[in-house]
Amino acid sequence: MDIQLEKKKGLRPKHYAYIAIGALVLFVLYKLLFVTSVSTFRTEKDKLSIAEVTQGKFDDYITINGNVAPIATIYMDAYEGGRVLEKLIEEGAMVKKGDIILKLENSGLYEQILASESNLALKQNDLRSTKLTFDSRQVEGRKDLVNSEYELQKLERNYQQNKALYDDELISKEDYLISKENYELAKKRFDIIKLQTENDVQLRKTSLSGLDTDLERMQKTLSMVYERLDHLNVRAPADGQLGFLDAEIGQSIAQGERIGQINVLTDYKIEATIDEHYIDRVKRDLVAILERNGNEYPLRLRKVYPEVRNGKFKVDLVFTDNKPETIRAGQSYNIKLQLGESSNALLLPKGSFFQSTGGQWIFVVNSNEDEALKRMIRIGKQNSRYYEVLEGLQAGEKVITSNYDTFGESEKIVLK
């Protein structure tokens, strides 16, 4: 019996072709899925800012810009409304406390003064007339009291004499009783006149006291009106410089309206704004330095305003020693505000990349400087020149510090 032998199956030349094609397909898929998954942006190297990370001394300060302002400003509001009649002092002039700056006129106030003066005159006439009436009544009352007392004493003596005569039976009982009745009647009349006189005195005192009170009140009212009249003269509230004056001749000014300010120039302060990034680190009594013409002038942070506007908050600084001789309100200075002690740190030069990344990542340039890859980092403090690097970079590495807005979502930058 013949045994049929099967041919062994093996790789034929065409199989190698299939394998090669398959490997090529896998390679292409790998490139598509993995290599091209990293978004790439191509740009010219010369258009970028590239800086090197270094190890060195980190000075914990920030540079801020501030404007010189008077140490104090006193606002002037109109105590009394009126029309500007005269303008005696112009803006920028030095003034003394009490100097008249503006003169106003107010016809309604003038009429009120005339009415108050007229009412006061009438009340004074009433007081004089009432005093005269009471004085006349008091004189008449005292005269009646004296006459009544005299009559009482005379009738009392007559009564006593007749009583003695009657007891001795020298006069009739009728004569005795008549003298007694006349005496008792005189005594009652005297008591009535005395009581009336006392009442008149009390009435005079009460009435005149009420009139005096009314008169005093009217005098106070008139004094207040006169004071309002004096307020038509707008005076400087303190020594200083008239900073601004919002008033012209003929202009009507309402009561309480702000019309100007006095800058007190006994000293100066610096008003500055700081990025809200530093709000937790900026405290009262921090020290600062103002540099001008090679000289340093020390400052102290006096006040931190709590409100944040447009990403910035406001502070006031005052000089602790000398200040520039030519200092003037409105001048602008750069100031170094010390936030803490200097320390050794990894330094990353500042750049506009921070606006795009918030300091959370950066593009690190490779050693050939032909590409840069995105890398996560952690930044600590910052001053006007450097960021303090806490994690993610090493000394000697180079990074792109210019703006990243054109890079989009790219994770690799190819440098041409």
Protein backbone atom coordinates (compact mmCIF):
# COMPACT_ATOMS: atom_id res chain seq x y z
CA MET A 1 0.00 0.00 0.00
CA ASP A 2 1.41 3.28 -1.02
CA ILE A 3 1.58 5.99 1.68
CA GLN A 4 0.84 9.51 0.42
CA LEU A 5 3.10 12.10 2.05
CA GLU A 6 1.65 15.62 2.77
CA LYS A 7 3.70 18.63 1.95
CA LYS A 8 4.91 20.55 4.97
CA LYS A 9 3.39 23.97 5.26
CA GLY A 10 5.95 26.80 5.67
CA LEU A 11 6.60 30.40 4.87
CA ARG A 12 6.63 31.13 1.28
CA PRO A 13 8.02 34.32 -0.35
CA LYS A 14 4.58 35.79 -0.67
CA HIS A 15 4.08 35.37 3.07
CA TYR A 16 7.07 37.60 3.75
CA ALA A 17 5.45 40.27 1.64
CA TYR A 18 2.26 40.05 3.73
CA ILE A 19 4.26 40.33 6.95
CA ALA A 20 6.11 43.37 5.65
CA ILE A 21 2.89 45.07 4.65
CA GLY A 22 1.32 44.29 8.06
CA ALA A 23 4.33 45.68 9.92
CA LEU A 24 4.15 48.83 7.82
CA VAL A 25 0.47 49.25 8.61
CA LEU A 26 1.14 48.79 12.34
CA PHE A 27 3.93 51.37 12.19
CA VAL A 28 1.69 53.87 10.45
CA LEU A 29 -1.08 53.25 13.01
CA TYR A 30 1.41 53.72 15.83
CA LYS A 31 2.58 57.03 14.36
CA LEU A 32 -1.01 58.17 13.92
CA LEU A 33 -2.18 57.08 17.37
CA PHE A 34 0.80 57.93 19.49
CA VAL A 35 3.29 60.17 17.84
CA THR A 36 0.88 62.56 16.20
CA SER A 37 -1.31 62.63 19.34
CA VAL A 38 1.13 65.16 20.77
CA SER A 39 -0.02 68.52 19.39
CA THR A 40 2.91 70.37 17.85
CA PHE A 41 3.41 74.03 17.03
CA ARG A 42 6.20 75.22 14.77
CA THR A 43 7.70 78.67 15.15
CA GLU A 44 10.92 80.58 14.60
CA LYS A 45 13.24 80.58 17.56
CA ASP A 46 14.18 84.23 17.08
CA LYS A 47 10.59 85.29 17.71
CA LEU A 48 10.61 83.81 21.22
CA SER A 49 12.12 84.90 24.52
CA ILE A 50 14.20 82.09 25.98
CA ALA A 51 15.76 82.36 29.43
CA GLU A 52 17.93 80.12 31.59
CA VAL A 53 16.95 78.92 35.07
CA THR A 54 19.67 79.79 37.59
CA GLN A 55 20.48 79.23 41.24
CA GLY A 56 21.01 82.42 43.20
CA LYS A 57 19.86 84.96 45.78
CA PHE A 58 16.14 85.71 45.76
CA ASP A 59 15.32 89.18 47.09
CA ASP A 60 11.78 89.05 48.46
CA TYR A 61 10.53 92.42 47.28
CA ILE A 62 8.26 93.90 44.66
CA THR A 63 8.59 97.10 42.68
CA ILE A 64 5.47 99.24 42.73
CA ASN A 65 4.65 102.57 41.18
CA GLY A 66 3.26 105.28 43.44
CA ASN A 67 2.16 108.88 43.20
CA VAL A 68 3.02 111.60 45.69
CA ALA A 69 0.03 113.02 47.56
CA PRO A 70 -0.38 115.46 50.47
CA ILE A 71 -0.27 113.80 53.89
CA ALA A 72 -3.86 114.96 54.40
CA THR A 73 -6.64 116.42 52.26
CA ILE A 74 -9.47 118.48 53.70
CA TYR A 75 -12.54 118.76 51.50
CA MET A 76 -14.56 121.97 51.37
CA ASP A 77 -18.34 121.65 51.20
CA ALA A 78 -20.69 124.61 51.01
CA TYR A 79 -22.23 125.21 54.44
CA GLU A 80 -24.75 127.52 52.79
CA GLY A 81 -26.08 127.58 49.25
CA GLY A 82 -25.91 130.64 47.05
CA ARG A 83 -24.63 132.25 43.88
CA VAL A 84 -20.89 132.92 43.52
CA LEU A 85 -20.43 136.65 43.85
CA GLU A 86 -16.64 136.87 44.06
CA LYS A 87 -13.67 134.49 43.66
CA LEU A 88 -10.73 135.71 45.73
CA ILE A 89 -8.21 132.84 45.50
CA GLU A 90 -7.33 130.61 42.54
CA GLU A 91 -6.36 126.93 42.47
CA GLY A 92 -2.77 126.16 43.47
CA ALA A 93 -2.44 129.17 45.79
CA MET A 94 -1.23 128.78 49.36
CA VAL A 95 -3.82 129.72 51.98
CA LYS A 96 -4.04 130.27 55.72
CA LYS A 97 -6.83 128.94 57.89
CA GLY A 98 -9.75 131.37 57.76
CA ASP A 99 -8.81 133.03 54.46
CA ILE A 100 -11.89 133.85 52.38
CA ILE A 101 -11.81 131.90 49.12
CA LEU A 102 -15.30 132.60 47.76
CA LYS A 103 -18.09 135.06 48.48
CA LEU A 104 -21.65 133.89 47.88
CA GLU A 105 -24.97 135.73 47.94
CA ASN A 106 -28.37 134.37 48.94
CA SER A 107 -31.41 136.68 48.70
CA GLY A 108 -33.62 134.22 50.57
CA LEU A 109 -31.22 134.28 53.49
CA TYR A 110 -31.21 138.09 53.52
CA GLU A 111 -35.03 138.11 53.70
CA GLN A 112 -34.92 135.60 56.54
CA ILE A 113 -32.54 137.85 58.46
CA LEU A 114 -34.84 140.85 58.01
CA ALA A 115 -37.82 138.83 59.20
CA SER A 116 -35.91 137.53 62.24
CA GLU A 117 -34.71 141.01 63.14
CA SER A 118 -38.27 142.38 62.83
CA ASN A 119 -39.71 139.60 65.01
CA LEU A 120 -36.99 140.15 67.57
CA ALA A 121 -37.72 143.89 67.69
CA LEU A 122 -41.44 143.22 68.22
CA LYS A 123 -40.70 140.75 71.00
CA GLN A 124 -38.37 143.26 72.67
CA ASN A 125 -41.13 145.91 72.53
CA ASP A 126 -43.59 143.43 74.04
CA LEU A 127 -41.16 142.73 76.83
CA ARG A 128 -40.64 146.42 77.61
CA SER A 129 -44.38 147.12 77.50
CA THR A 130 -45.14 144.19 79.78
CA LYS A 131 -42.44 145.27 82.21
CA LEU A 132 -43.87 148.78 82.33
CA THR A 133 -47.39 147.43 82.95
CA PHE A 134 -46.25 145.16 85.74
CA ASP A 135 -44.04 147.86 87.26
CA SER A 136 -47.00 150.28 87.30
CA ARG A 137 -49.25 147.66 88.87
CA GLN A 138 -46.57 146.86 91.41
CA VAL A 139 -46.26 150.53 92.42
CA GLU A 140 -50.02 150.88 92.77
CA GLY A 141 -50.22 147.65 94.70
CA ARG A 142 -47.51 148.70 97.14
CA LYS A 143 -49.23 152.09 97.58
CA ASP A 144 -52.55 150.36 98.34
CA LEU A 145 -50.78 148.02 100.74
CA VAL A 146 -49.15 150.91 102.60
CA ASN A 147 -52.45 152.83 102.85
CA SER A 148 -54.28 149.72 103.95
CA GLU A 149 -51.65 148.99 106.59
CA TYR A 150 -51.84 152.57 107.85
CA GLU A 151 -55.66 152.42 108.02
CA LEU A 152 -55.46 149.06 109.80
CA GLN A 153 -53.09 150.40 112.44
CA LYS A 154 -55.28 153.48 113.03
CA LEU A 155 -58.47 151.45 113.39
CA GLU A 156 -56.68 148.94 115.60
CA ARG A 157 -55.68 151.71 118.02
CA ASN A 158 -59.24 153.08 118.00
CA TYR A 159 -60.61 149.62 118.67
CA GLN A 160 -58.20 149.03 121.54
CA GLN A 161 -59.07 152.43 123.07
CA ASN A 162 -62.82 151.85 122.75
CA LYS A 163 -62.46 148.37 124.19
CA ALA A 164 -60.76 149.80 127.27
CA LEU A 165 -63.42 152.53 127.59
CA TYR A 166 -66.20 150.00 127.14
CA ASP A 167 -64.70 147.77 129.80
CA ASP A 168 -64.76 150.82 132.12
CA GLU A 169 -68.34 151.54 130.98
CA LEU A 170 -67.32 154.94 129.65
CA ILE A 171 -68.78 154.43 126.17
CA SER A 172 -71.76 152.66 124.84
CA LYS A 173 -71.65 149.15 123.52
CA GLU A 174 -72.64 150.39 120.08
CA ASP A 175 -69.60 152.63 119.80
CA TYR A 176 -67.41 149.73 120.89
CA LEU A 177 -68.91 147.35 118.35
CA ILE A 178 -68.58 149.88 115.53
CA SER A 179 -64.86 150.35 116.28
CA LYS A 180 -64.40 146.59 116.43
CA GLU A 181 -66.15 145.99 113.12
CA ASN A 182 -64.17 148.76 111.43
CA TYR A 183 -60.93 147.20 112.68
CA GLU A 184 -61.84 143.69 111.49
CA LEU A 185 -62.93 145.01 108.09
CA ALA A 186 -59.65 146.90 107.72
CA LYS A 187 -57.71 143.77 108.64
CA LYS A 188 -59.50 141.73 105.95
CA ARG A 189 -58.93 144.48 103.39
CA PHE A 190 -55.22 144.56 104.30
CA ASP A 191 -54.90 140.76 103.92
CA ILE A 192 -56.58 140.89 100.52
CA ILE A 193 -54.37 143.72 99.26
CA LYS A 194 -51.26 141.95 100.59
CA LEU A 195 -52.20 138.70 98.86
CA GLN A 196 -52.96 140.55 95.64
CA THR A 197 -49.61 142.31 95.79
CA GLU A 198 -47.81 139.01 96.33
CA ASN A 199 -49.70 137.44 93.42
CA ASP A 200 -48.81 140.39 91.21
CA VAL A 201 -45.12 139.89 92.06
CA GLN A 202 -45.31 136.18 91.18
CA LEU A 203 -47.27 136.89 88.00
CA ARG A 204 -44.72 139.49 86.97
CA LYS A 205 -41.88 137.04 87.57
CA THR A 206 -43.57 134.24 85.56
CA SER A 207 -44.64 136.45 82.67
CA LEU A 208 -41.30 138.18 82.33
CA SER A 209 -39.48 134.85 82.56
CA GLY A 210 -41.54 133.50 79.65
CA LEU A 211 -40.90 136.64 77.63
CA ASP A 212 -37.18 136.47 78.43
CA THR A 213 -37.13 132.84 77.26
CA ASP A 214 -38.87 133.75 74.00
CA LEU A 215 -36.52 136.66 73.52
CA GLU A 216 -33.45 134.51 74.17
CA ARG A 217 -34.69 131.89 71.70
CA MET A 218 -35.27 134.53 69.05
CA GLN A 219 -31.81 135.99 69.67
CA LYS A 220 -30.28 132.53 69.23
CA THR A 221 -32.25 132.06 66.02
CA LEU A 222 -31.02 135.41 64.76
CA SER A 223 -27.44 134.49 65.75
CA MET A 224 -27.75 131.26 63.77
CA VAL A 225 -29.04 133.18 60.77
CA TYR A 226 -26.11 135.59 61.11
CA GLU A 227 -23.81 132.55 61.26
CA ARG A 228 -25.39 131.25 58.06
CA LEU A 229 -24.80 134.68 56.58
CA ASP A 230 -21.12 134.40 57.52
CA HIS A 231 -21.01 130.99 55.83
CA LEU A 232 -21.64 132.78 52.55
CA ASN A 233 -17.93 133.60 52.91
CA VAL A 234 -16.28 130.26 52.05
CA ARG A 235 -13.10 130.10 54.16
CA ALA A 236 -10.05 127.85 54.13
CA PRO A 237 -10.47 125.18 56.85
CA ALA A 238 -6.69 124.81 57.37
CA ASP A 239 -3.29 126.03 56.25
CA GLY A 240 -2.22 124.48 52.97
CA GLN A 241 -2.61 124.62 49.22
CA LEU A 242 -5.92 125.08 47.43
CA GLY A 243 -5.89 121.81 45.47
CA PHE A 244 -8.94 122.41 43.32
CA LEU A 245 -11.86 124.82 43.29
CA ASP A 246 -15.00 123.95 41.35
CA ALA A 247 -16.69 127.37 41.33
CA GLU A 248 -17.01 130.27 38.91
CA ILE A 249 -18.58 133.71 39.27
CA GLY A 250 -22.33 133.51 38.74
CA GLN A 251 -22.48 129.78 39.41
CA SER A 252 -25.20 128.54 41.76
CA ILE A 253 -23.96 126.27 44.54
CA ALA A 254 -26.25 124.05 46.61
CA GLN A 255 -25.91 123.64 50.36
CA GLY A 256 -23.57 120.72 51.11
CA GLU A 257 -22.10 120.67 47.59
CA ARG A 258 -18.36 119.87 47.37
CA ILE A 259 -16.57 122.85 45.90
CA GLY A 260 -12.88 122.29 46.61
CA GLN A 261 -10.13 120.85 48.76
CA ILE A 262 -7.14 121.99 50.79
CA ASN A 263 -3.95 119.93 50.55
CA VAL A 264 -2.08 119.95 53.84
CA LEU A 265 1.58 120.14 52.81
CA THR A 266 3.27 119.69 56.18
CA ASP A 267 4.28 116.25 54.85
CA TYR A 268 3.68 113.88 51.94
CA LYS A 269 2.61 110.28 51.43
CA ILE A 270 2.89 107.85 48.51
CA GLU A 271 -0.29 106.33 47.12
CA ALA A 272 0.32 103.08 45.22
CA THR A 273 -1.59 100.11 43.79
CA ILE A 274 -0.43 96.49 44.07
CA ASP A 275 -1.47 93.35 42.20
CA GLU A 276 -3.99 91.31 44.18
CA HIS A 277 -1.57 88.33 43.99
CA TYR A 278 0.27 89.91 46.95
CA ILE A 279 -2.76 90.86 49.07
CA ASP A 280 -2.07 88.16 51.69
CA ARG A 281 1.56 89.23 52.08
CA VAL A 282 1.20 92.99 52.20
CA LYS A 283 0.75 94.17 55.79
CA ARG A 284 1.04 97.42 57.71
CA ASP A 285 4.52 98.58 58.77
CA LEU A 286 6.37 96.83 55.92
CA VAL A 287 9.44 98.84 54.90
CA ALA A 288 10.14 100.22 51.45
CA ILE A 289 12.79 102.25 49.64
CA LEU A 290 12.39 105.12 47.18
CA GLU A 291 15.51 105.59 45.05
CA ARG A 292 16.17 108.94 43.37
CA ASN A 293 19.39 110.43 42.00
CA GLY A 294 21.49 107.82 43.80
CA ASN A 295 19.85 108.47 47.18
CA GLU A 296 17.58 106.15 49.13
CA TYR A 297 14.59 107.42 51.11
CA PRO A 298 13.02 104.96 53.59
CA LEU A 299 9.26 104.52 53.72
CA ARG A 300 6.80 102.67 55.94
CA LEU A 301 3.53 101.13 54.75
CA ARG A 302 0.91 102.99 56.79
CA LYS A 303 -2.40 101.73 55.41
CA VAL A 304 -3.71 98.84 53.31
CA TYR A 305 -7.09 99.45 51.71
CA PRO A 306 -9.28 96.30 51.76
CA GLU A 307 -11.10 96.85 48.47
CA VAL A 308 -9.78 95.23 45.28
CA ARG A 309 -10.55 96.94 41.98
CA ASN A 310 -9.55 95.66 38.54
CA GLY A 311 -7.21 93.14 40.13
CA LYS A 312 -5.36 95.69 42.29
CA PHE A 313 -5.60 97.08 45.81
CA LYS A 314 -4.42 100.42 47.17
CA VAL A 315 -1.82 101.22 49.87
CA ASP A 316 -0.43 104.37 51.51
CA LEU A 317 3.24 104.76 52.44
CA VAL A 318 4.85 107.54 54.51
CA PHE A 319 8.43 108.73 54.80
CA THR A 320 10.22 107.70 57.98
CA ASP A 321 13.21 110.02 57.53
CA ASN A 322 14.29 112.45 54.84
CA LYS A 323 12.39 112.90 51.59
CA PRO A 324 13.48 114.32 48.21
CA GLU A 325 13.90 118.10 48.38
CA THR A 326 12.08 118.63 45.09
CA ILE A 327 9.13 116.41 45.95
CA ARG A 328 5.78 117.67 44.69
CA ALA A 329 2.24 116.32 44.78
CA GLY A 330 1.45 114.33 41.63
CA GLN A 331 5.00 113.09 41.00
CA SER A 332 5.41 109.39 40.20
CA TYR A 333 8.09 107.13 41.73
CA ASN A 334 9.10 103.47 41.58
CA ILE A 335 9.33 101.97 45.06
CA LYS A 336 10.84 98.70 46.30
CA LEU A 337 8.52 97.17 48.89
CA GLN A 338 10.27 94.54 51.02
CA LEU A 339 8.00 91.54 51.66
CA GLY A 340 10.48 89.27 53.45
CA GLU A 341 14.11 88.22 53.94
CA SER A 342 16.42 87.27 51.03
CA SER A 343 17.11 83.55 50.46
CA ASN A 344 18.93 81.17 48.11
CA ALA A 345 16.53 79.83 45.48
CA LEU A 346 16.07 78.53 41.96
CA LEU A 347 15.36 81.62 39.85
CA LEU A 348 13.10 81.78 36.80
CA PRO A 349 13.17 85.12 34.93
CA LYS A 350 9.75 86.75 34.72
CA GLY A 351 7.87 86.80 31.43
CA SER A 352 4.45 87.08 29.85
CA PHE A 353 4.07 83.28 29.79
CA PHE A 354 2.66 83.61 33.31
CA GLN A 355 -0.53 85.21 31.99
CA SER A 356 -1.23 82.06 29.94
CA THR A 357 -0.16 79.38 32.43
CA GLY A 358 -0.68 80.96 35.84
CA GLY A 359 2.78 79.62 36.68
CA GLN A 360 1.55 76.00 36.66
CA TRP A 361 3.49 74.85 33.60
CA ILE A 362 6.11 76.04 31.11
CA PHE A 363 7.81 74.99 27.85
CA VAL A 364 11.31 73.61 28.53
CA VAL A 365 13.81 73.77 25.66
CA ASN A 366 15.88 70.64 24.98
CA SER A 367 19.67 70.58 24.86
CA ASN A 368 19.73 70.90 21.06
CA GLU A 369 17.42 73.91 21.31
CA ASP A 370 15.33 72.61 18.42
CA GLU A 371 12.18 71.82 20.37
CA ALA A 372 10.46 72.55 23.69
CA LEU A 373 8.10 70.33 25.69
CA LYS A 374 5.37 71.32 28.12
CA ARG A 375 6.25 70.57 31.75
CA MET A 376 4.35 71.06 35.01
CA ILE A 377 6.10 73.30 37.56
CA ARG A 378 5.36 74.94 40.92
CA ILE A 379 6.21 78.58 41.61
CA GLY A 380 6.53 80.23 45.02
CA LYS A 381 7.32 83.89 45.63
CA GLN A 382 8.04 86.48 42.96
CA ASN A 383 9.67 89.87 42.73
CA SER A 384 10.02 92.35 39.90
CA ARG A 385 12.64 90.18 38.10
CA TYR A 386 12.23 86.54 39.11
CA TYR A 387 9.88 83.77 40.14
CA GLU A 388 11.02 81.40 42.87
CA VAL A 389 10.84 77.84 41.45
CA LEU A 390 9.82 75.20 43.99
CA GLU A 391 9.39 72.17 41.71
CA GLY A 392 9.74 71.06 38.08
CA LEU A 393 12.94 72.80 36.88
CA GLN A 394 16.68 72.57 37.42
CA ALA A 395 19.45 75.12 37.22
CA GLY A 396 20.84 75.41 33.70
CA GLU A 397 17.61 74.45 31.91
CA LYS A 398 16.24 76.87 29.36
CA VAL A 399 12.58 77.81 29.09
CA ILE A 400 10.35 79.90 26.86
CA THR A 401 9.24 82.97 28.83
CA SER A 402 7.41 84.91 26.09
CA ASN A 403 3.64 84.87 25.56
CA TYR A 404 1.96 81.51 24.83
CA ASP A 405 -1.28 82.78 23.31
CA THR A 406 -0.36 81.69 19.76
CA PHE A 407 0.59 78.14 20.86
CA GLY A 408 -3.00 77.07 21.42
CA GLU A 409 -3.25 73.59 23.01
CA SER A 410 0.19 72.51 21.77
CA GLU A 411 2.36 70.41 24.05
CA LYS A 412 5.47 70.55 21.90
CA ILE A 413 7.08 73.51 20.18
CA VAL A 414 9.37 72.86 17.22
CA LEU A 415 11.97 75.59 16.94
CA LYS A 416 13.23 76.52 13.46
